[in-house]
Amino acid sequence: MKMIFKTALLDALLALLLVMPWSAAQAVEWEQLDEDTQRVLEPFESGWDKLPQDRQDKLLQRAERWKLLPDSKLAQIHHKIERFKSLPPEERKRLRKKQQWFHKLPPERRRELREQWRHMTAEERRHFRQNHIKDRKK
């Protein structure tokens, strides 16, 4: 009985291994993207072919949502992406760590923080940035 189970398990694992290479998604070349997706992901065009496949996949998922946005909102997103890309590598790394920290928070706490931020004036936000982000380089 034990031998039959082991054989069945090995057969199932072997079948999975044989199927996996064909089912794994392949990296997409920029030229393969439709015009709307290229327009939405335009800030990533120059380095698209160098991005790891998992990063491309995430961007493609976001692009589907971004396509539904008005052009003014999309322009804001593009501006933020370009601003981020222009930062020194250590600053980008610091911001990624902050983002990871934020995403590890419970959803309710993230909602609370977003709500607090939304209700702050521009002056309060500037003050917060200056006084609470200790590791920020000036």
Protein backbone atom coordinates (compact mmCIF):
# COMPACT_ATOMS: atom_id res chain seq x y z
CA MET A 1 0.00 0.00 0.00
CA LYS A 2 2.82 2.40 0.94
CA MET A 3 4.66 1.60 -2.29
CA ILE A 4 1.56 2.32 -4.41
CA PHE A 5 1.15 5.71 -2.69
CA LYS A 6 4.82 6.59 -3.25
CA THR A 7 4.61 5.57 -6.90
CA ALA A 8 1.43 7.62 -7.42
CA LEU A 9 3.02 10.62 -5.70
CA LEU A 10 6.16 10.36 -7.82
CA ASP A 11 4.06 10.05 -10.98
CA ALA A 12 2.11 13.19 -10.03
CA LEU A 13 5.28 15.15 -9.29
CA LEU A 14 6.87 14.04 -12.54
CA ALA A 15 3.76 15.08 -14.46
CA LEU A 16 3.90 18.51 -12.81
CA LEU A 17 7.55 18.92 -13.68
CA LEU A 18 6.90 18.02 -17.29
CA VAL A 19 4.02 20.47 -17.60
CA MET A 20 5.54 23.42 -15.71
CA PRO A 21 7.98 24.70 -18.36
CA TRP A 22 5.20 25.01 -20.92
CA SER A 23 2.73 26.59 -18.52
CA ALA A 24 5.15 29.16 -17.14
CA ALA A 25 4.55 32.60 -18.58
CA GLN A 26 7.25 33.99 -20.79
CA ALA A 27 8.71 37.47 -20.58
CA VAL A 28 6.97 39.80 -23.02
CA GLU A 29 8.91 41.96 -25.45
CA TRP A 30 7.91 45.63 -25.62
CA GLU A 31 6.93 45.31 -29.28
CA GLN A 32 4.42 42.57 -28.38
CA LEU A 33 2.40 44.90 -26.14
CA ASP A 34 -0.66 46.57 -27.63
CA GLU A 35 -0.62 50.35 -28.15
CA ASP A 36 -2.75 51.12 -25.09
CA THR A 37 -0.51 49.06 -22.82
CA GLN A 38 2.60 50.68 -24.28
CA ARG A 39 1.07 54.12 -23.67
CA VAL A 40 0.30 53.28 -20.05
CA LEU A 41 3.70 51.68 -19.40
CA GLU A 42 5.67 54.27 -21.40
CA PRO A 43 7.97 55.20 -18.46
CA PHE A 44 9.25 51.61 -18.46
CA GLU A 45 9.90 51.33 -22.20
CA SER A 46 13.68 51.89 -22.14
CA GLY A 47 14.31 49.14 -19.58
CA TRP A 48 11.36 46.85 -20.29
CA ASP A 49 13.38 44.02 -21.84
CA LYS A 50 15.76 44.03 -18.84
CA LEU A 51 13.00 43.74 -16.23
CA PRO A 52 12.56 40.36 -14.56
CA GLN A 53 9.48 38.51 -15.72
CA ASP A 54 7.72 38.78 -12.35
CA ARG A 55 8.14 42.58 -12.43
CA GLN A 56 6.79 42.69 -15.99
CA ASP A 57 3.81 40.62 -14.88
CA LYS A 58 3.04 43.00 -12.00
CA LEU A 59 3.32 46.01 -14.28
CA LEU A 60 1.05 44.39 -16.87
CA GLN A 61 -1.55 43.74 -14.16
CA ARG A 62 -1.35 47.36 -13.06
CA ALA A 63 -1.53 48.52 -16.66
CA GLU A 64 -4.94 46.89 -16.98
CA ARG A 65 -6.20 49.04 -14.09
CA TRP A 66 -4.34 52.14 -15.30
CA LYS A 67 -5.96 51.89 -18.74
CA LEU A 68 -9.27 52.72 -17.07
CA LEU A 69 -7.95 55.95 -15.54
CA PRO A 70 -8.43 59.38 -17.06
CA ASP A 71 -5.40 60.77 -18.86
CA SER A 72 -4.82 63.36 -16.11
CA LYS A 73 -4.49 60.65 -13.45
CA LEU A 74 -2.25 58.59 -15.73
CA ALA A 75 -0.03 61.65 -16.25
CA GLN A 76 0.30 61.95 -12.45
CA ILE A 77 1.36 58.32 -12.22
CA HIS A 78 3.92 58.78 -15.01
CA HIS A 79 5.30 61.87 -13.27
CA LYS A 80 5.71 59.96 -9.98
CA ILE A 81 7.42 57.06 -11.76
CA GLU A 82 9.84 59.40 -13.53
CA ARG A 83 10.55 61.25 -10.28
CA PHE A 84 11.25 57.92 -8.54
CA LYS A 85 13.55 56.78 -11.37
CA SER A 86 15.53 60.03 -11.07
CA LEU A 87 16.30 59.47 -7.36
CA PRO A 88 19.69 58.15 -6.27
CA PRO A 89 19.75 54.35 -5.80
CA GLU A 90 20.03 54.59 -1.99
CA GLU A 91 16.95 56.83 -1.83
CA ARG A 92 14.97 54.41 -4.03
CA LYS A 93 16.04 51.57 -1.76
CA ARG A 94 14.95 53.50 1.33
CA LEU A 95 11.56 54.25 -0.22
CA ARG A 96 11.07 50.60 -1.22
CA LYS A 97 11.75 49.58 2.40
CA LYS A 98 9.17 52.11 3.62
CA GLN A 99 6.67 50.76 1.12
CA GLN A 100 7.32 47.17 2.24
CA TRP A 101 6.87 48.23 5.87
CA PHE A 102 3.57 49.90 4.99
CA HIS A 103 2.26 46.87 3.08
CA LYS A 104 3.08 44.60 6.03
CA LEU A 105 0.72 46.59 8.25
CA PRO A 106 -2.76 45.20 8.81
CA PRO A 107 -5.23 46.50 6.21
CA GLU A 108 -7.20 48.46 8.81
CA ARG A 109 -4.08 50.30 9.98
CA ARG A 110 -3.14 51.13 6.37
CA ARG A 111 -6.64 52.54 5.82
CA GLU A 112 -6.32 54.64 8.98
CA LEU A 113 -2.96 56.07 7.89
CA ARG A 114 -4.24 56.84 4.39
CA GLU A 115 -7.25 58.58 5.86
CA GLN A 116 -5.07 60.65 8.20
CA TRP A 117 -2.85 61.63 5.27
CA ARG A 118 -5.85 62.61 3.13
CA HIS A 119 -7.06 64.96 5.85
CA MET A 120 -3.71 66.69 6.31
CA THR A 121 -3.10 70.06 4.74
CA ALA A 122 -0.11 70.58 2.43
CA GLU A 123 1.65 72.38 5.29
CA GLU A 124 0.99 69.49 7.71
CA ARG A 125 2.32 67.01 5.16
CA ARG A 126 5.46 69.08 4.62
CA HIS A 127 5.96 69.31 8.39
CA PHE A 128 5.46 65.56 8.74
CA ARG A 129 8.00 64.81 6.04
CA GLN A 130 10.58 67.11 7.64
CA ASN A 131 10.10 65.90 11.20
CA HIS A 132 9.14 62.24 11.00
CA ILE A 133 11.24 60.84 8.22
CA LYS A 134 14.49 60.67 10.16
CA ASP A 135 16.56 58.67 7.67
CA ARG A 136 15.75 60.91 4.74
CA LYS A 137 18.77 62.53 3.13
CA LYS A 138 18.51 66.29 2.62
